[in-house]
Amino acid sequence: MKPIYFSIAILLFLPFLLPAQTVSINEFYRKYKNVDEENVHVTLPGWLVKLGVGIAKTQADDQTEKQALKMAKKVGKIRVLTFEESNPVSSKDVDRLLRNVRRENFEDLIMVKEENTKVNIMMREKKEMIKNLLILVSEEDTFTMVSMKTKLKYEEIEEFINEAAAGKIENIEVKL
């Protein structure tokens, strides 16, 4: 095969070979997912998330549920890692993960540090769309990481917030 054809073939198939999560998140997840038997580690492929949302959508009764499911349909692969009775994740590893994902173009949305509790919510965007969300909650005796691939557009989030503020969506209070 000529080099030019090989290069074109690689470029065409490269998007299918790339993981939904970043290298740093993958390494962190693999390091801690089998640390002890008490943790919960789950990876849901995007097709399963969409299937679940589709089933839930048929059961949705009110406008709030329908709007939430409309946004949930934009969520792809989800990874969850949680420790409930202990926190074997070192603060050094969490700091390293945060540094590395920032290098991978994640931006901080929310950072909260209060006594022994640390919460980080980060996102990576591309073309006015949120591509990845990363949520880390670290406490003395618990730890949770949620990483998800998304296709959420800012317009959709803004529409949801505006409808909630206008009272079109029930059970949600928006204080501006």
Protein backbone atom coordinates (compact mmCIF):
# COMPACT_ATOMS: atom_id res chain seq x y z
CA MET A 1 0.00 0.00 0.00
CA LYS A 2 1.39 3.39 -0.92
CA PRO A 3 2.18 5.71 2.01
CA ILE A 4 -0.40 8.30 0.95
CA TYR A 5 -3.24 5.75 0.89
CA PHE A 6 -2.14 4.35 4.23
CA SER A 7 -2.12 7.87 5.73
CA ILE A 8 -5.61 8.58 4.39
CA ALA A 9 -6.91 5.27 5.76
CA ILE A 10 -5.47 6.06 9.21
CA LEU A 11 -7.02 9.54 9.20
CA LEU A 12 -10.43 8.15 8.22
CA PHE A 13 -10.49 5.53 10.97
CA LEU A 14 -8.74 7.55 13.70
CA PRO A 15 -11.96 8.99 15.19
CA PHE A 16 -13.27 5.45 15.74
CA LEU A 17 -10.10 4.41 17.56
CA LEU A 18 -9.95 7.33 19.97
CA PRO A 19 -11.39 6.72 23.43
CA ALA A 20 -14.34 8.74 24.67
CA GLN A 21 -12.48 9.68 27.82
CA THR A 22 -9.04 11.27 27.97
CA VAL A 23 -5.76 9.48 28.58
CA SER A 24 -5.46 10.95 32.09
CA ILE A 25 -8.96 9.91 33.09
CA ASN A 26 -8.44 6.42 31.67
CA GLU A 27 -5.17 5.96 33.59
CA PHE A 28 -6.70 7.20 36.84
CA TYR A 29 -9.76 4.97 36.43
CA ARG A 30 -7.66 1.88 35.67
CA LYS A 31 -5.38 2.56 38.64
CA TYR A 32 -8.20 2.74 41.19
CA LYS A 33 -11.02 0.60 39.81
CA ASN A 34 -9.73 -2.63 41.41
CA VAL A 35 -8.17 -1.20 44.58
CA ASP A 36 -10.67 -2.92 46.87
CA GLU A 37 -13.87 -4.92 46.70
CA GLU A 38 -15.98 -2.23 48.34
CA ASN A 39 -15.74 0.26 45.50
CA VAL A 40 -18.18 0.67 42.65
CA HIS A 41 -16.78 1.11 39.16
CA VAL A 42 -19.04 1.21 36.14
CA THR A 43 -18.53 2.10 32.50
CA LEU A 44 -21.69 2.59 30.45
CA PRO A 45 -21.25 2.78 26.69
CA GLY A 46 -23.08 5.56 24.89
CA TRP A 47 -25.52 3.23 23.12
CA LEU A 48 -26.67 1.85 26.49
CA VAL A 49 -27.18 5.35 27.89
CA LYS A 50 -29.23 6.32 24.84
CA LEU A 51 -31.27 3.11 25.08
CA GLY A 52 -32.04 3.82 28.74
CA VAL A 53 -33.01 7.40 27.97
CA GLY A 54 -35.26 6.21 25.13
CA ILE A 55 -37.05 3.78 27.45
CA ALA A 56 -37.38 6.41 30.19
CA LYS A 57 -38.74 8.92 27.70
CA THR A 58 -41.74 6.68 27.01
CA GLN A 59 -42.54 6.78 30.74
CA ALA A 60 -42.02 10.53 31.26
CA ASP A 61 -45.10 12.24 32.67
CA ASP A 62 -44.27 15.87 33.26
CA GLN A 63 -42.38 18.61 31.45
CA THR A 64 -39.43 18.49 33.87
CA GLU A 65 -38.75 14.85 33.11
CA LYS A 66 -39.11 15.39 29.38
CA GLN A 67 -36.66 18.31 29.38
CA ALA A 68 -34.15 16.40 31.52
CA LEU A 69 -34.38 13.38 29.23
CA LYS A 70 -33.96 15.59 26.18
CA MET A 71 -30.66 16.78 27.64
CA ALA A 72 -29.70 13.27 28.83
CA LYS A 73 -30.00 12.05 25.26
CA LYS A 74 -26.89 14.14 24.53
CA VAL A 75 -24.83 12.10 27.01
CA GLY A 76 -22.60 9.35 25.67
CA LYS A 77 -20.14 7.12 27.51
CA ILE A 78 -20.23 7.44 31.30
CA ARG A 79 -17.65 6.25 33.79
CA VAL A 80 -18.29 6.17 37.52
CA LEU A 81 -15.79 5.29 40.23
CA THR A 82 -16.88 5.51 43.84
CA PHE A 83 -15.57 4.53 47.27
CA GLU A 84 -18.10 4.81 50.09
CA GLU A 85 -16.46 3.41 53.21
CA SER A 86 -12.91 4.59 52.62
CA ASN A 87 -10.93 6.86 50.35
CA PRO A 88 -7.81 5.13 49.01
CA VAL A 89 -7.29 7.88 46.43
CA SER A 90 -4.36 10.03 47.44
CA SER A 91 -4.71 13.79 47.21
CA LYS A 92 -1.48 13.74 45.19
CA ASP A 93 -3.16 11.56 42.55
CA VAL A 94 -6.23 13.79 42.47
CA ASP A 95 -4.02 16.87 42.02
CA ARG A 96 -2.08 15.09 39.26
CA LEU A 97 -5.33 14.15 37.51
CA LEU A 98 -6.56 17.74 37.70
CA ARG A 99 -3.27 19.06 36.31
CA ASN A 100 -3.31 16.53 33.48
CA VAL A 101 -6.92 17.13 32.42
CA ARG A 102 -6.25 20.87 32.38
CA ARG A 103 -3.46 20.12 29.90
CA GLU A 104 -6.06 18.18 27.90
CA ASN A 105 -8.12 21.40 27.59
CA PHE A 106 -10.51 20.90 30.51
CA GLU A 107 -11.67 24.07 32.23
CA ASP A 108 -12.83 24.48 35.80
CA LEU A 109 -16.54 25.17 36.20
CA ILE A 110 -16.83 24.75 39.96
CA MET A 111 -14.18 24.28 42.62
CA VAL A 112 -15.14 23.96 46.27
CA LYS A 113 -12.81 23.20 49.13
CA GLU A 114 -14.19 23.10 52.63
CA GLU A 115 -12.30 21.39 55.44
CA ASN A 116 -11.78 17.79 54.19
CA THR A 117 -14.20 18.04 51.26
CA LYS A 118 -13.03 18.91 47.77
CA VAL A 119 -15.37 19.19 44.76
CA ASN A 120 -14.25 19.81 41.19
CA ILE A 121 -16.52 20.05 38.17
CA MET A 122 -14.68 20.49 34.90
CA MET A 123 -15.59 20.50 31.23
CA ARG A 124 -13.92 20.31 27.87
CA GLU A 125 -15.57 22.15 25.02
CA LYS A 126 -15.29 22.28 21.28
CA LYS A 127 -17.24 24.45 18.84
CA GLU A 128 -19.77 25.83 21.35
CA MET A 129 -20.46 22.32 22.64
CA ILE A 130 -19.55 20.60 25.90
CA LYS A 131 -17.69 17.45 24.86
CA ASN A 132 -16.66 16.07 28.26
CA LEU A 133 -17.68 16.60 31.87
CA LEU A 134 -15.60 15.49 34.84
CA ILE A 135 -16.95 15.54 38.40
CA LEU A 136 -14.68 14.73 41.34
CA VAL A 137 -15.82 14.68 44.97
CA SER A 138 -13.20 13.78 47.52
CA GLU A 139 -13.78 13.56 51.26
CA GLU A 140 -11.93 11.92 54.10
CA ASP A 141 -13.88 8.66 53.87
CA THR A 142 -15.49 8.80 50.39
CA PHE A 143 -14.48 9.50 46.82
CA THR A 144 -16.51 9.79 43.61
CA MET A 145 -15.46 10.38 40.03
CA VAL A 146 -17.97 10.74 37.21
CA SER A 147 -16.67 11.25 33.69
CA MET A 148 -18.93 11.54 30.71
CA LYS A 149 -18.76 12.27 27.04
CA THR A 150 -21.49 14.67 25.95
CA LYS A 151 -22.82 16.64 23.02
CA LEU A 152 -24.51 19.37 25.03
CA LYS A 153 -24.86 22.68 23.26
CA TYR A 154 -24.86 25.87 25.26
CA GLU A 155 -28.13 26.87 23.56
CA GLU A 156 -29.86 23.77 24.97
CA ILE A 157 -28.63 24.46 28.49
CA GLU A 158 -29.65 28.10 28.19
CA GLU A 159 -33.11 27.08 26.92
CA PHE A 160 -33.55 24.71 29.86
CA ILE A 161 -32.53 27.41 32.35
CA ASN A 162 -34.79 30.01 30.70
CA GLU A 163 -37.79 27.66 30.76
CA ALA A 164 -37.11 26.85 34.40
CA ALA A 165 -36.83 30.58 35.23
CA ALA A 166 -40.08 31.31 33.38
CA GLY A 167 -41.86 28.62 35.38
CA LYS A 168 -42.51 26.39 32.37
CA ILE A 169 -40.62 23.59 34.04
CA GLU A 170 -42.07 22.50 37.35
CA ASN A 171 -40.19 21.62 40.56
CA ILE A 172 -37.10 23.67 39.69
CA GLU A 173 -36.32 26.97 41.35
CA VAL A 174 -34.00 29.36 39.60
CA LYS A 175 -32.67 32.23 41.70
CA LEU A 176 -30.88 34.89 39.70
